[in-house]
Amino acid sequence: MSAIRPATAADVPRVWELIKELAEFEKLTHTVTGTEAQLRESLFGASPVCQCRVIEVDDQVVGYAITFTTYSTFRTLRGLWLEDLYVTPAHRGTGLGKALLHSVIEDGRSQGVGRIEWSVLDWNTSAIEFYERMGAQVLPDWRFSRVSLGI
């Protein structure tokens, strides 16, 4: 049986493991410079900057979603940025990713956000197909820009 719930501070070590798994899957381990302690502070510190929900199977965390608030000037509404949506490979194809994304969408609705956005690597066709099946539109004309500040 699976369950989706808000992460607790006790979940941080497992979520950090899953973040590193995601980085390995995306071939981006060289970009992981954060720490478990920084994740804990980001989620549960004095001024949390993001939220995390986890999905469990038989009381074992097998996936997570991390979101944070954004804002649309055109819509003049808050939004959610879905930073990560990850389910372990052994549990993919079982509906857990769909349930986790649906949970994020329902949370956004309950918060009154205007939209939920995220990025997907162009080579990750299985994720793109999954998101499109869930009703998402992959925007072909937009490119993300980044300035890394070396912090």
N, C-alpha and C. Protein backbone atom coordinates (compact mmCIF):
# COMPACT_ATOMS: atom_id res chain seq x y z
N MET A 1 0.84 -1.17 0.00
CA MET A 1 0.00 0.00 0.00
C MET A 1 0.89 1.24 0.00
N SER A 2 0.47 2.27 -0.75
CA SER A 2 1.25 3.51 -0.82
C SER A 2 0.52 4.64 -0.12
N ALA A 3 1.31 5.62 0.30
CA ALA A 3 0.76 6.81 0.96
C ALA A 3 1.62 8.01 0.59
N ILE A 4 0.95 9.15 0.37
CA ILE A 4 1.63 10.41 0.10
C ILE A 4 1.39 11.31 1.30
N ARG A 5 2.46 11.95 1.75
CA ARG A 5 2.34 12.82 2.91
C ARG A 5 3.42 13.89 2.87
N PRO A 6 3.23 14.98 3.63
CA PRO A 6 4.30 15.96 3.74
C PRO A 6 5.52 15.32 4.39
N ALA A 7 6.70 15.68 3.90
CA ALA A 7 7.92 15.17 4.51
C ALA A 7 8.08 15.73 5.91
N THR A 8 8.76 14.98 6.75
CA THR A 8 9.13 15.44 8.09
C THR A 8 10.65 15.55 8.14
N ALA A 9 11.15 16.16 9.20
CA ALA A 9 12.61 16.27 9.36
C ALA A 9 13.26 14.89 9.38
N ALA A 10 12.55 13.89 9.88
CA ALA A 10 13.10 12.53 9.92
C ALA A 10 13.29 11.95 8.51
N ASP A 11 12.59 12.49 7.52
CA ASP A 11 12.70 12.00 6.15
C ASP A 11 13.90 12.57 5.40
N VAL A 12 14.52 13.61 5.93
CA VAL A 12 15.57 14.31 5.19
C VAL A 12 16.70 13.39 4.74
N PRO A 13 17.24 12.49 5.58
CA PRO A 13 18.32 11.63 5.08
C PRO A 13 17.90 10.79 3.86
N ARG A 14 16.69 10.25 3.88
CA ARG A 14 16.21 9.44 2.75
C ARG A 14 15.97 10.32 1.52
N VAL A 15 15.38 11.48 1.70
CA VAL A 15 15.15 12.38 0.56
C VAL A 15 16.50 12.78 -0.04
N TRP A 16 17.50 13.05 0.80
CA TRP A 16 18.83 13.40 0.29
C TRP A 16 19.41 12.26 -0.54
N GLU A 17 19.23 11.01 -0.08
CA GLU A 17 19.67 9.84 -0.87
C GLU A 17 18.99 9.83 -2.24
N LEU A 18 17.70 10.10 -2.25
CA LEU A 18 16.94 10.09 -3.50
C LEU A 18 17.36 11.23 -4.42
N ILE A 19 17.68 12.38 -3.84
CA ILE A 19 18.18 13.50 -4.65
C ILE A 19 19.47 13.08 -5.36
N LYS A 20 20.35 12.41 -4.65
CA LYS A 20 21.61 11.96 -5.27
C LYS A 20 21.35 10.88 -6.33
N GLU A 21 20.34 10.03 -6.10
CA GLU A 21 19.95 9.05 -7.14
C GLU A 21 19.46 9.77 -8.39
N LEU A 22 18.64 10.80 -8.20
CA LEU A 22 18.14 11.58 -9.33
C LEU A 22 19.30 12.21 -10.10
N ALA A 23 20.24 12.80 -9.38
CA ALA A 23 21.40 13.41 -10.03
C ALA A 23 22.18 12.38 -10.85
N GLU A 24 22.31 11.19 -10.31
CA GLU A 24 23.01 10.12 -11.05
C GLU A 24 22.23 9.75 -12.31
N PHE A 25 20.92 9.59 -12.20
CA PHE A 25 20.08 9.26 -13.34
C PHE A 25 20.20 10.33 -14.43
N GLU A 26 20.23 11.60 -14.01
CA GLU A 26 20.30 12.71 -14.96
C GLU A 26 21.72 13.01 -15.43
N LYS A 27 22.67 12.21 -14.95
CA LYS A 27 24.09 12.39 -15.30
C LYS A 27 24.58 13.77 -14.84
N LEU A 28 24.15 14.18 -13.64
CA LEU A 28 24.49 15.49 -13.12
C LEU A 28 25.12 15.44 -11.73
N THR A 29 25.71 14.31 -11.36
CA THR A 29 26.29 14.20 -10.02
C THR A 29 27.37 15.25 -9.78
N HIS A 30 28.05 15.65 -10.83
CA HIS A 30 29.10 16.66 -10.70
C HIS A 30 28.56 18.03 -10.30
N THR A 31 27.26 18.23 -10.41
CA THR A 31 26.67 19.53 -10.05
C THR A 31 26.11 19.56 -8.63
N VAL A 32 26.10 18.42 -7.96
CA VAL A 32 25.56 18.36 -6.59
C VAL A 32 26.60 18.94 -5.64
N THR A 33 26.31 20.13 -5.12
CA THR A 33 27.23 20.78 -4.18
C THR A 33 26.57 21.00 -2.82
N GLY A 34 25.28 20.74 -2.73
CA GLY A 34 24.57 20.92 -1.47
C GLY A 34 24.85 19.79 -0.50
N THR A 35 24.25 19.90 0.68
CA THR A 35 24.43 18.89 1.72
C THR A 35 23.08 18.54 2.33
N GLU A 36 23.08 17.43 3.02
CA GLU A 36 21.87 17.03 3.74
C GLU A 36 21.47 18.09 4.75
N ALA A 37 22.45 18.68 5.42
CA ALA A 37 22.16 19.72 6.41
C ALA A 37 21.51 20.94 5.75
N GLN A 38 21.97 21.31 4.57
CA GLN A 38 21.37 22.45 3.86
C GLN A 38 19.94 22.12 3.42
N LEU A 39 19.71 20.88 3.01
CA LEU A 39 18.35 20.46 2.65
C LEU A 39 17.44 20.57 3.86
N ARG A 40 17.92 20.10 5.00
CA ARG A 40 17.12 20.17 6.23
C ARG A 40 16.77 21.63 6.55
N GLU A 41 17.75 22.52 6.43
CA GLU A 41 17.51 23.94 6.69
C GLU A 41 16.52 24.52 5.69
N SER A 42 16.65 24.14 4.42
CA SER A 42 15.75 24.65 3.37
C SER A 42 14.31 24.23 3.60
N LEU A 43 14.12 23.03 4.14
CA LEU A 43 12.77 22.50 4.36
C LEU A 43 12.19 22.85 5.74
N PHE A 44 13.05 22.83 6.77
CA PHE A 44 12.53 22.90 8.13
C PHE A 44 13.22 23.94 9.01
N GLY A 45 14.05 24.79 8.41
CA GLY A 45 14.75 25.82 9.18
C GLY A 45 13.84 26.96 9.59
N ALA A 46 14.46 28.01 10.08
CA ALA A 46 13.71 29.17 10.57
C ALA A 46 12.90 29.84 9.46
N SER A 47 13.41 29.82 8.23
CA SER A 47 12.71 30.41 7.08
C SER A 47 12.69 29.41 5.92
N PRO A 48 11.81 28.42 5.97
CA PRO A 48 11.79 27.41 4.91
C PRO A 48 11.57 28.04 3.53
N VAL A 49 12.27 27.53 2.53
CA VAL A 49 12.17 28.08 1.18
C VAL A 49 11.49 27.12 0.21
N CYS A 50 11.23 25.90 0.65
CA CYS A 50 10.58 24.92 -0.22
C CYS A 50 9.79 23.93 0.63
N GLN A 51 8.99 23.14 -0.08
CA GLN A 51 8.19 22.12 0.57
C GLN A 51 8.51 20.78 -0.08
N CYS A 52 8.31 19.72 0.69
CA CYS A 52 8.56 18.37 0.16
C CYS A 52 7.42 17.46 0.59
N ARG A 53 7.00 16.65 -0.35
CA ARG A 53 6.07 15.57 -0.03
C ARG A 53 6.74 14.28 -0.45
N VAL A 54 6.45 13.22 0.26
CA VAL A 54 7.05 11.93 -0.04
C VAL A 54 5.95 10.92 -0.33
N ILE A 55 6.34 9.89 -1.06
CA ILE A 55 5.44 8.77 -1.30
C ILE A 55 6.10 7.53 -0.73
N GLU A 56 5.33 6.78 0.03
CA GLU A 56 5.83 5.59 0.70
C GLU A 56 5.14 4.35 0.16
N VAL A 57 5.88 3.27 0.14
CA VAL A 57 5.33 1.95 -0.11
C VAL A 57 5.78 1.09 1.06
N ASP A 58 4.84 0.49 1.75
CA ASP A 58 5.15 -0.33 2.92
C ASP A 58 6.06 0.41 3.90
N ASP A 59 5.72 1.65 4.19
CA ASP A 59 6.43 2.51 5.14
C ASP A 59 7.86 2.86 4.72
N GLN A 60 8.21 2.64 3.45
CA GLN A 60 9.53 3.01 2.92
C GLN A 60 9.35 4.15 1.92
N VAL A 61 10.08 5.25 2.09
CA VAL A 61 10.01 6.38 1.17
C VAL A 61 10.67 5.96 -0.15
N VAL A 62 9.87 5.99 -1.24
CA VAL A 62 10.37 5.57 -2.56
C VAL A 62 10.30 6.69 -3.59
N GLY A 63 9.86 7.87 -3.16
CA GLY A 63 9.80 9.00 -4.08
C GLY A 63 9.51 10.27 -3.33
N TYR A 64 9.71 11.38 -4.03
CA TYR A 64 9.48 12.68 -3.42
C TYR A 64 9.19 13.72 -4.49
N ALA A 65 8.60 14.82 -4.04
CA ALA A 65 8.40 16.00 -4.88
C ALA A 65 8.76 17.21 -4.04
N ILE A 66 9.57 18.10 -4.61
CA ILE A 66 9.94 19.34 -3.94
C ILE A 66 9.40 20.50 -4.77
N THR A 67 8.70 21.41 -4.10
CA THR A 67 8.12 22.59 -4.76
C THR A 67 8.49 23.85 -4.00
N PHE A 68 8.39 24.97 -4.70
CA PHE A 68 8.50 26.26 -4.04
C PHE A 68 7.62 27.25 -4.78
N THR A 69 7.31 28.37 -4.12
CA THR A 69 6.39 29.37 -4.66
C THR A 69 7.07 30.22 -5.72
N THR A 70 6.32 30.49 -6.79
CA THR A 70 6.75 31.41 -7.84
C THR A 70 5.66 32.47 -8.00
N TYR A 71 5.84 33.35 -8.98
CA TYR A 71 4.84 34.37 -9.23
C TYR A 71 4.79 34.68 -10.72
N SER A 72 3.59 34.84 -11.24
CA SER A 72 3.40 35.21 -12.64
C SER A 72 2.89 36.65 -12.71
N THR A 73 3.68 37.52 -13.32
CA THR A 73 3.23 38.90 -13.48
C THR A 73 2.08 38.99 -14.48
N PHE A 74 2.10 38.15 -15.51
CA PHE A 74 1.03 38.20 -16.51
C PHE A 74 -0.30 37.75 -15.93
N ARG A 75 -0.26 36.75 -15.06
CA ARG A 75 -1.50 36.26 -14.45
C ARG A 75 -1.76 36.93 -13.11
N THR A 76 -0.76 37.60 -12.57
CA THR A 76 -0.79 38.21 -11.24
C THR A 76 -1.29 37.20 -10.19
N LEU A 77 -0.70 36.03 -10.28
CA LEU A 77 -1.02 34.95 -9.35
C LEU A 77 0.25 34.22 -8.93
N ARG A 78 0.18 33.67 -7.72
CA ARG A 78 1.25 32.78 -7.27
C ARG A 78 1.24 31.52 -8.13
N GLY A 79 2.39 30.88 -8.19
CA GLY A 79 2.51 29.61 -8.86
C GLY A 79 3.36 28.68 -8.02
N LEU A 80 3.52 27.47 -8.49
CA LEU A 80 4.43 26.51 -7.86
C LEU A 80 5.45 26.08 -8.90
N TRP A 81 6.69 26.01 -8.49
CA TRP A 81 7.74 25.41 -9.31
C TRP A 81 7.98 24.03 -8.74
N LEU A 82 7.88 23.03 -9.59
CA LEU A 82 8.17 21.65 -9.20
C LEU A 82 9.63 21.40 -9.50
N GLU A 83 10.46 21.49 -8.48
CA GLU A 83 11.90 21.34 -8.65
C GLU A 83 12.28 19.91 -8.99
N ASP A 84 11.72 18.97 -8.24
CA ASP A 84 11.99 17.54 -8.47
C ASP A 84 10.71 16.74 -8.31
N LEU A 85 10.56 15.76 -9.17
CA LEU A 85 9.57 14.71 -9.01
C LEU A 85 10.33 13.43 -9.29
N TYR A 86 10.50 12.60 -8.29
CA TYR A 86 11.36 11.42 -8.44
C TYR A 86 10.73 10.22 -7.76
N VAL A 87 10.74 9.10 -8.47
CA VAL A 87 10.33 7.81 -7.94
C VAL A 87 11.44 6.83 -8.28
N THR A 88 11.82 6.00 -7.33
CA THR A 88 12.91 5.05 -7.56
C THR A 88 12.59 4.16 -8.76
N PRO A 89 13.62 3.74 -9.50
CA PRO A 89 13.38 2.91 -10.69
C PRO A 89 12.54 1.67 -10.43
N ALA A 90 12.72 1.03 -9.30
CA ALA A 90 11.96 -0.19 -8.99
C ALA A 90 10.47 0.06 -8.86
N HIS A 91 10.07 1.31 -8.63
CA HIS A 91 8.66 1.62 -8.42
C HIS A 91 8.04 2.43 -9.55
N ARG A 92 8.79 2.62 -10.63
CA ARG A 92 8.24 3.34 -11.79
C ARG A 92 7.28 2.42 -12.54
N GLY A 93 6.34 3.03 -13.22
CA GLY A 93 5.37 2.27 -13.99
C GLY A 93 4.27 1.66 -13.14
N THR A 94 4.20 2.03 -11.87
CA THR A 94 3.19 1.48 -10.97
C THR A 94 2.12 2.49 -10.60
N GLY A 95 2.23 3.70 -11.15
CA GLY A 95 1.26 4.75 -10.85
C GLY A 95 1.67 5.67 -9.72
N LEU A 96 2.83 5.41 -9.11
CA LEU A 96 3.25 6.25 -8.00
C LEU A 96 3.63 7.66 -8.45
N GLY A 97 4.32 7.78 -9.58
CA GLY A 97 4.67 9.10 -10.10
C GLY A 97 3.43 9.90 -10.43
N LYS A 98 2.46 9.23 -11.04
CA LYS A 98 1.20 9.88 -11.38
C LYS A 98 0.49 10.36 -10.11
N ALA A 99 0.47 9.53 -9.10
CA ALA A 99 -0.18 9.90 -7.84
C ALA A 99 0.55 11.07 -7.18
N LEU A 100 1.87 11.06 -7.23
CA LEU A 100 2.65 12.13 -6.62
C LEU A 100 2.43 13.45 -7.36
N LEU A 101 2.47 13.41 -8.69
CA LEU A 101 2.21 14.63 -9.46
C LEU A 101 0.78 15.12 -9.24
N HIS A 102 -0.17 14.22 -9.22
CA HIS A 102 -1.56 14.60 -8.95
C HIS A 102 -1.68 15.28 -7.58
N SER A 103 -0.93 14.78 -6.60
CA SER A 103 -0.94 15.37 -5.27
C SER A 103 -0.40 16.80 -5.30
N VAL A 104 0.66 17.03 -6.07
CA VAL A 104 1.21 18.39 -6.21
C VAL A 104 0.17 19.30 -6.88
N ILE A 105 -0.48 18.80 -7.91
CA ILE A 105 -1.49 19.58 -8.62
C ILE A 105 -2.66 19.93 -7.68
N GLU A 106 -3.12 18.97 -6.93
CA GLU A 106 -4.21 19.23 -5.99
C GLU A 106 -3.80 20.21 -4.91
N ASP A 107 -2.55 20.11 -4.44
CA ASP A 107 -2.05 21.07 -3.46
C ASP A 107 -2.04 22.47 -4.07
N GLY A 108 -1.60 22.58 -5.32
CA GLY A 108 -1.62 23.88 -6.00
C GLY A 108 -3.02 24.44 -6.11
N ARG A 109 -3.97 23.59 -6.46
CA ARG A 109 -5.37 24.05 -6.53
C ARG A 109 -5.85 24.57 -5.18
N SER A 110 -5.53 23.82 -4.13
CA SER A 110 -5.99 24.24 -2.80
C SER A 110 -5.34 25.54 -2.35
N GLN A 111 -4.14 25.83 -2.86
CA GLN A 111 -3.45 27.08 -2.54
C GLN A 111 -3.88 28.23 -3.46
N GLY A 112 -4.64 27.91 -4.51
CA GLY A 112 -5.10 28.94 -5.43
C GLY A 112 -4.02 29.42 -6.39
N VAL A 113 -3.04 28.58 -6.69
CA VAL A 113 -1.98 29.01 -7.61
C VAL A 113 -2.50 29.01 -9.05
N GLY A 114 -1.88 29.85 -9.87
CA GLY A 114 -2.31 29.98 -11.26
C GLY A 114 -1.74 28.91 -12.18
N ARG A 115 -0.57 28.37 -11.81
CA ARG A 115 0.03 27.33 -12.64
C ARG A 115 1.15 26.64 -11.86
N ILE A 116 1.49 25.48 -12.35
CA ILE A 116 2.62 24.71 -11.83
C ILE A 116 3.55 24.49 -13.01
N GLU A 117 4.82 24.77 -12.80
CA GLU A 117 5.79 24.64 -13.88
C GLU A 117 6.98 23.81 -13.41
N TRP A 118 7.69 23.25 -14.38
CA TRP A 118 8.92 22.51 -14.10
C TRP A 118 9.69 22.37 -15.40
N SER A 119 10.89 21.89 -15.28
CA SER A 119 11.69 21.63 -16.48
C SER A 119 11.90 20.13 -16.61
N VAL A 120 12.21 19.71 -17.83
CA VAL A 120 12.51 18.31 -18.10
C VAL A 120 13.64 18.28 -19.12
N LEU A 121 14.57 17.38 -18.91
CA LEU A 121 15.69 17.25 -19.84
C LEU A 121 15.18 16.77 -21.19
N ASP A 122 15.69 17.36 -22.27
CA ASP A 122 15.17 17.04 -23.61
C ASP A 122 15.40 15.59 -24.02
N TRP A 123 16.38 14.91 -23.43
CA TRP A 123 16.64 13.51 -23.77
C TRP A 123 15.78 12.53 -22.97
N ASN A 124 15.07 13.01 -21.96
CA ASN A 124 14.29 12.14 -21.09
C ASN A 124 12.88 11.95 -21.67
N THR A 125 12.83 11.21 -22.77
CA THR A 125 11.56 11.05 -23.49
C THR A 125 10.49 10.35 -22.65
N SER A 126 10.89 9.43 -21.79
CA SER A 126 9.88 8.76 -20.97
C SER A 126 9.22 9.76 -20.01
N ALA A 127 10.00 10.70 -19.46
CA ALA A 127 9.42 11.72 -18.59
C ALA A 127 8.54 12.67 -19.38
N ILE A 128 9.00 13.07 -20.56
CA ILE A 128 8.20 13.97 -21.40
C ILE A 128 6.86 13.32 -21.73
N GLU A 129 6.89 12.06 -22.13
CA GLU A 129 5.65 11.35 -22.45
C GLU A 129 4.75 11.24 -21.22
N PHE A 130 5.34 10.97 -20.07
CA PHE A 130 4.58 10.88 -18.82
C PHE A 130 3.89 12.21 -18.53
N TYR A 131 4.63 13.32 -18.61
CA TYR A 131 4.06 14.63 -18.32
C TYR A 131 2.95 14.97 -19.32
N GLU A 132 3.16 14.66 -20.58
CA GLU A 132 2.12 14.94 -21.59
C GLU A 132 0.88 14.11 -21.33
N ARG A 133 1.04 12.85 -20.92
CA ARG A 133 -0.12 12.02 -20.57
C ARG A 133 -0.88 12.61 -19.38
N MET A 134 -0.16 13.31 -18.52
CA MET A 134 -0.79 13.93 -17.35
C MET A 134 -1.43 15.27 -17.69
N GLY A 135 -1.34 15.70 -18.96
CA GLY A 135 -1.97 16.94 -19.39
C GLY A 135 -1.04 18.13 -19.45
N ALA A 136 0.25 17.93 -19.18
CA ALA A 136 1.20 19.04 -19.23
C ALA A 136 1.55 19.36 -20.68
N GLN A 137 1.87 20.62 -20.90
CA GLN A 137 2.32 21.07 -22.21
C GLN A 137 3.82 21.35 -22.10
N VAL A 138 4.63 20.66 -22.90
CA VAL A 138 6.06 20.94 -22.94
C VAL A 138 6.24 22.12 -23.89
N LEU A 139 6.73 23.22 -23.37
CA LEU A 139 6.81 24.47 -24.12
C LEU A 139 8.05 24.48 -25.02
N PRO A 140 7.87 24.42 -26.33
CA PRO A 140 9.02 24.32 -27.24
C PRO A 140 9.79 25.61 -27.43
N ASP A 141 9.18 26.74 -27.16
CA ASP A 141 9.81 28.02 -27.46
C ASP A 141 10.58 28.64 -26.30
N TRP A 142 10.54 28.03 -25.13
CA TRP A 142 11.17 28.60 -23.94
C TRP A 142 12.46 27.88 -23.63
N ARG A 143 13.48 28.63 -23.26
CA ARG A 143 14.76 28.08 -22.81
C ARG A 143 15.06 28.68 -21.45
N PHE A 144 15.59 27.89 -20.56
CA PHE A 144 15.93 28.38 -19.25
C PHE A 144 17.32 28.99 -19.27
N SER A 145 17.48 30.05 -18.52
CA SER A 145 18.78 30.71 -18.38
C SER A 145 19.20 30.61 -16.92
N ARG A 146 20.51 30.63 -16.70
CA ARG A 146 21.00 30.46 -15.33
C ARG A 146 22.29 31.24 -15.16
N VAL A 147 22.41 31.86 -14.01
CA VAL A 147 23.66 32.44 -13.54
C VAL A 147 23.99 31.76 -12.23
N SER A 148 25.08 31.03 -12.18
CA SER A 148 25.51 30.39 -10.94
C SER A 148 26.39 31.35 -10.17
N LEU A 149 26.10 31.55 -8.90
CA LEU A 149 26.79 32.55 -8.12
C LEU A 149 27.96 31.98 -7.32
N GLY A 150 28.21 30.69 -7.43
CA GLY A 150 29.37 30.11 -6.77
C GLY A 150 29.27 30.04 -5.27
N ILE A 151 28.07 30.06 -4.75
CA ILE A 151 27.87 29.98 -3.29
C ILE A 151 27.91 28.53 -2.87
